Amino acid sequence: MKLKNSIVKRGGVSAAYWYGSTQDVTGSVAPEGVKFGFVLPSKGGGDTQVLLTIGPEDLRTILKKLAAENLDLAFTFGECAKLAIVALAKAKK
């Protein structure tokens, strides 16, 4: 899936600013977690491809923190719970 509201930037640890950004970010869900992929311009020319996988336990931690700190997402979390319950019910049939 294409992530439409995400941006990735790169910069050195001691750099004062971020640069080399992209908004061409993709995401997918797999048994090993949520995967995010993107390509950033390299400092010396060319491109660097990056794949970030967030494992299920880390994702659980992130989602709990999001739920606690972003009350405006409560309805979305409710929708997600409903989708999960429906999927579980279908899997048991």
N, C-alpha and C. Protein backbone atom coordinates (compact mmCIF):
# COMPACT_ATOMS: atom_id res chain seq x y z
N MET A 1 0.84 -1.17 0.00
CA MET A 1 0.00 0.00 0.00
C MET A 1 0.88 1.24 0.00
N LYS A 2 0.45 2.24 -0.70
CA LYS A 2 1.18 3.51 -0.73
C LYS A 2 0.73 4.36 0.44
N LEU A 3 1.70 4.87 1.19
CA LEU A 3 1.39 5.74 2.32
C LEU A 3 1.39 7.18 1.81
N LYS A 4 0.26 7.84 1.87
CA LYS A 4 0.10 9.15 1.26
C LYS A 4 0.46 10.31 2.18
N ASN A 5 0.55 10.08 3.48
CA ASN A 5 0.81 11.16 4.43
C ASN A 5 2.07 10.92 5.23
N SER A 6 3.05 10.27 4.61
CA SER A 6 4.30 9.94 5.28
C SER A 6 5.47 10.54 4.52
N ILE A 7 6.52 10.84 5.26
CA ILE A 7 7.73 11.40 4.65
C ILE A 7 8.94 10.81 5.36
N VAL A 8 9.99 10.58 4.63
CA VAL A 8 11.24 10.07 5.18
C VAL A 8 12.34 11.06 4.80
N LYS A 9 13.20 11.38 5.78
CA LYS A 9 14.34 12.25 5.53
C LYS A 9 15.58 11.58 6.09
N ARG A 10 16.72 11.99 5.61
CA ARG A 10 17.97 11.46 6.14
C ARG A 10 18.89 12.60 6.51
N GLY A 11 19.82 12.31 7.38
CA GLY A 11 20.81 13.29 7.80
C GLY A 11 21.86 12.61 8.65
N GLY A 12 22.99 13.22 8.75
CA GLY A 12 24.05 12.67 9.57
C GLY A 12 23.76 12.87 11.05
N VAL A 13 24.38 12.05 11.89
CA VAL A 13 24.17 12.16 13.33
C VAL A 13 24.56 13.54 13.84
N SER A 14 25.62 14.10 13.30
CA SER A 14 26.07 15.42 13.75
C SER A 14 25.58 16.56 12.85
N ALA A 15 24.75 16.24 11.86
CA ALA A 15 24.24 17.27 10.95
C ALA A 15 23.21 18.15 11.66
N ALA A 16 23.14 19.39 11.25
CA ALA A 16 22.22 20.34 11.87
C ALA A 16 20.84 20.31 11.22
N TYR A 17 20.70 19.60 10.12
CA TYR A 17 19.41 19.58 9.43
C TYR A 17 19.20 18.25 8.72
N TRP A 18 17.95 18.03 8.31
CA TRP A 18 17.55 16.84 7.56
C TRP A 18 17.45 17.21 6.08
N TYR A 19 17.76 16.29 5.21
CA TYR A 19 17.68 16.53 3.78
C TYR A 19 17.48 15.20 3.07
N GLY A 20 17.45 15.24 1.75
CA GLY A 20 17.32 14.01 0.98
C GLY A 20 16.02 13.28 1.26
N SER A 21 14.92 13.99 1.23
CA SER A 21 13.65 13.39 1.63
C SER A 21 12.92 12.69 0.48
N THR A 22 11.96 11.87 0.86
CA THR A 22 11.05 11.24 -0.10
C THR A 22 9.68 11.10 0.53
N GLN A 23 8.67 11.21 -0.30
CA GLN A 23 7.31 10.94 0.14
C GLN A 23 6.79 9.66 -0.53
N ASP A 24 7.66 8.98 -1.23
CA ASP A 24 7.31 7.73 -1.90
C ASP A 24 7.57 6.58 -0.93
N VAL A 25 6.64 6.40 -0.01
CA VAL A 25 6.77 5.40 1.05
C VAL A 25 5.69 4.34 0.86
N THR A 26 6.10 3.08 0.94
CA THR A 26 5.14 1.99 0.83
C THR A 26 5.10 1.22 2.15
N GLY A 27 3.98 0.56 2.37
CA GLY A 27 3.83 -0.25 3.57
C GLY A 27 3.13 -1.54 3.22
N SER A 28 3.42 -2.57 3.99
CA SER A 28 2.74 -3.85 3.80
C SER A 28 2.69 -4.57 5.14
N VAL A 29 1.77 -5.51 5.23
CA VAL A 29 1.62 -6.30 6.45
C VAL A 29 2.00 -7.74 6.11
N ALA A 30 2.85 -8.32 6.94
CA ALA A 30 3.33 -9.68 6.74
C ALA A 30 3.34 -10.38 8.10
N PRO A 31 3.47 -11.70 8.12
CA PRO A 31 3.51 -12.40 9.40
C PRO A 31 4.61 -11.90 10.34
N GLU A 32 5.71 -11.44 9.78
CA GLU A 32 6.80 -10.96 10.62
C GLU A 32 6.63 -9.53 11.10
N GLY A 33 5.57 -8.85 10.66
CA GLY A 33 5.29 -7.50 11.14
C GLY A 33 4.84 -6.57 10.03
N VAL A 34 4.94 -5.29 10.30
CA VAL A 34 4.60 -4.25 9.33
C VAL A 34 5.89 -3.79 8.67
N LYS A 35 5.88 -3.75 7.34
CA LYS A 35 7.08 -3.38 6.59
C LYS A 35 6.88 -2.03 5.91
N PHE A 36 7.90 -1.18 5.98
CA PHE A 36 7.90 0.11 5.32
C PHE A 36 9.11 0.15 4.41
N GLY A 37 8.91 0.54 3.16
CA GLY A 37 10.01 0.62 2.21
C GLY A 37 10.07 1.99 1.57
N PHE A 38 11.29 2.42 1.28
CA PHE A 38 11.47 3.70 0.60
C PHE A 38 12.88 3.77 0.03
N VAL A 39 13.07 4.71 -0.86
CA VAL A 39 14.37 4.95 -1.48
C VAL A 39 14.75 6.40 -1.21
N LEU A 40 15.99 6.60 -0.73
CA LEU A 40 16.49 7.95 -0.46
C LEU A 40 17.72 8.22 -1.32
N PRO A 41 17.91 9.48 -1.72
CA PRO A 41 19.13 9.80 -2.45
C PRO A 41 20.35 9.65 -1.54
N SER A 42 21.41 9.03 -2.06
CA SER A 42 22.64 8.85 -1.30
C SER A 42 23.46 10.12 -1.33
N LYS A 43 24.28 10.31 -0.32
CA LYS A 43 25.13 11.50 -0.23
C LYS A 43 26.06 11.63 -1.44
N GLY A 44 26.63 10.52 -1.86
CA GLY A 44 27.59 10.55 -2.95
C GLY A 44 26.98 10.34 -4.32
N GLY A 45 25.68 10.38 -4.42
CA GLY A 45 25.00 10.12 -5.69
C GLY A 45 24.36 8.74 -5.65
N GLY A 46 23.42 8.53 -6.50
CA GLY A 46 22.72 7.25 -6.51
C GLY A 46 21.61 7.24 -5.47
N ASP A 47 21.09 6.06 -5.21
CA ASP A 47 19.98 5.90 -4.29
C ASP A 47 20.28 4.80 -3.28
N THR A 48 19.68 4.93 -2.12
CA THR A 48 19.77 3.91 -1.08
C THR A 48 18.36 3.40 -0.82
N GLN A 49 18.18 2.10 -0.94
CA GLN A 49 16.88 1.49 -0.68
C GLN A 49 16.86 1.04 0.79
N VAL A 50 15.75 1.32 1.47
CA VAL A 50 15.62 0.98 2.90
C VAL A 50 14.33 0.20 3.12
N LEU A 51 14.42 -0.83 3.95
CA LEU A 51 13.25 -1.59 4.36
C LEU A 51 13.26 -1.65 5.88
N LEU A 52 12.21 -1.17 6.51
CA LEU A 52 12.04 -1.20 7.96
C LEU A 52 10.91 -2.17 8.28
N THR A 53 11.19 -3.16 9.12
CA THR A 53 10.16 -4.09 9.57
C THR A 53 9.97 -3.89 11.06
N ILE A 54 8.72 -3.63 11.45
CA ILE A 54 8.38 -3.49 12.87
C ILE A 54 7.68 -4.78 13.27
N GLY A 55 8.30 -5.51 14.18
CA GLY A 55 7.77 -6.79 14.63
C GLY A 55 6.48 -6.63 15.42
N PRO A 56 5.69 -7.71 15.51
CA PRO A 56 4.39 -7.65 16.19
C PRO A 56 4.45 -7.11 17.62
N GLU A 57 5.44 -7.50 18.41
CA GLU A 57 5.51 -7.02 19.80
C GLU A 57 5.81 -5.52 19.85
N ASP A 58 6.71 -5.05 18.99
CA ASP A 58 6.98 -3.61 18.94
C ASP A 58 5.77 -2.85 18.42
N LEU A 59 5.07 -3.44 17.46
CA LEU A 59 3.86 -2.81 16.93
C LEU A 59 2.80 -2.69 18.02
N ARG A 60 2.67 -3.72 18.83
CA ARG A 60 1.72 -3.69 19.95
C ARG A 60 2.06 -2.50 20.88
N THR A 61 3.34 -2.33 21.19
CA THR A 61 3.79 -1.23 22.05
C THR A 61 3.46 0.12 21.42
N ILE A 62 3.74 0.26 20.14
CA ILE A 62 3.47 1.51 19.42
C ILE A 62 1.97 1.81 19.42
N LEU A 63 1.16 0.81 19.11
CA LEU A 63 -0.30 1.03 19.05
C LEU A 63 -0.87 1.42 20.41
N LYS A 64 -0.39 0.80 21.48
CA LYS A 64 -0.86 1.17 22.81
C LYS A 64 -0.50 2.61 23.14
N LYS A 65 0.70 3.01 22.78
CA LYS A 65 1.14 4.39 23.04
C LYS A 65 0.33 5.37 22.20
N LEU A 66 0.09 5.04 20.95
CA LEU A 66 -0.75 5.87 20.09
C LEU A 66 -2.15 6.03 20.68
N ALA A 67 -2.72 4.93 21.14
CA ALA A 67 -4.07 4.97 21.70
C ALA A 67 -4.12 5.85 22.95
N ALA A 68 -3.10 5.76 23.78
CA ALA A 68 -3.08 6.53 25.02
C ALA A 68 -2.83 8.02 24.80
N GLU A 69 -2.08 8.35 23.77
CA GLU A 69 -1.67 9.74 23.57
C GLU A 69 -2.40 10.47 22.46
N ASN A 70 -3.21 9.78 21.68
CA ASN A 70 -3.93 10.40 20.57
C ASN A 70 -5.40 10.03 20.66
N LEU A 71 -6.11 10.69 21.55
CA LEU A 71 -7.51 10.36 21.79
C LEU A 71 -8.37 10.53 20.55
N ASP A 72 -7.95 11.37 19.61
CA ASP A 72 -8.72 11.55 18.39
C ASP A 72 -8.70 10.30 17.50
N LEU A 73 -7.84 9.33 17.83
CA LEU A 73 -7.79 8.08 17.08
C LEU A 73 -8.68 7.00 17.70
N ALA A 74 -9.40 7.32 18.76
CA ALA A 74 -10.21 6.32 19.46
C ALA A 74 -11.20 5.64 18.52
N PHE A 75 -11.87 6.39 17.67
CA PHE A 75 -12.83 5.80 16.75
C PHE A 75 -12.13 4.84 15.79
N THR A 76 -10.96 5.21 15.31
CA THR A 76 -10.19 4.36 14.40
C THR A 76 -9.79 3.05 15.09
N PHE A 77 -9.35 3.14 16.34
CA PHE A 77 -9.01 1.92 17.08
C PHE A 77 -10.24 1.04 17.28
N GLY A 78 -11.39 1.66 17.49
CA GLY A 78 -12.64 0.91 17.61
C GLY A 78 -12.96 0.18 16.31
N GLU A 79 -12.79 0.87 15.19
CA GLU A 79 -13.01 0.24 13.88
C GLU A 79 -12.07 -0.95 13.68
N CYS A 80 -10.82 -0.78 14.09
CA CYS A 80 -9.83 -1.85 13.95
C CYS A 80 -10.21 -3.06 14.79
N ALA A 81 -10.68 -2.80 16.00
CA ALA A 81 -11.12 -3.90 16.87
C ALA A 81 -12.28 -4.65 16.22
N LYS A 82 -13.20 -3.92 15.64
CA LYS A 82 -14.35 -4.55 14.98
C LYS A 82 -13.88 -5.43 13.81
N LEU A 83 -12.97 -4.92 12.99
CA LEU A 83 -12.44 -5.69 11.87
C LEU A 83 -11.75 -6.97 12.36
N ALA A 84 -10.99 -6.86 13.44
CA ALA A 84 -10.30 -8.02 13.97
C ALA A 84 -11.28 -9.06 14.50
N ILE A 85 -12.33 -8.61 15.17
CA ILE A 85 -13.34 -9.54 15.70
C ILE A 85 -14.06 -10.27 14.57
N VAL A 86 -14.41 -9.55 13.52
CA VAL A 86 -15.06 -10.17 12.36
C VAL A 86 -14.12 -11.20 11.71
N ALA A 87 -12.85 -10.85 11.57
CA ALA A 87 -11.87 -11.77 10.96
C ALA A 87 -11.70 -13.02 11.84
N LEU A 88 -11.67 -12.85 13.15
CA LEU A 88 -11.56 -13.99 14.06
C LEU A 88 -12.78 -14.90 13.95
N ALA A 89 -13.96 -14.30 13.88
CA ALA A 89 -15.20 -15.09 13.75
C ALA A 89 -15.20 -15.89 12.46
N LYS A 90 -14.75 -15.29 11.35
CA LYS A 90 -14.69 -16.00 10.07
C LYS A 90 -13.66 -17.12 10.11
N ALA A 91 -12.56 -16.91 10.80
CA ALA A 91 -11.50 -17.91 10.87
C ALA A 91 -11.94 -19.13 11.67
N LYS A 92 -12.85 -18.94 12.61
CA LYS A 92 -13.32 -20.05 13.45
C LYS A 92 -14.36 -20.90 12.74
N LYS A 93 -14.93 -20.42 11.65
CA LYS A 93 -15.97 -21.17 10.92
C LYS A 93 -15.36 -22.30 10.13
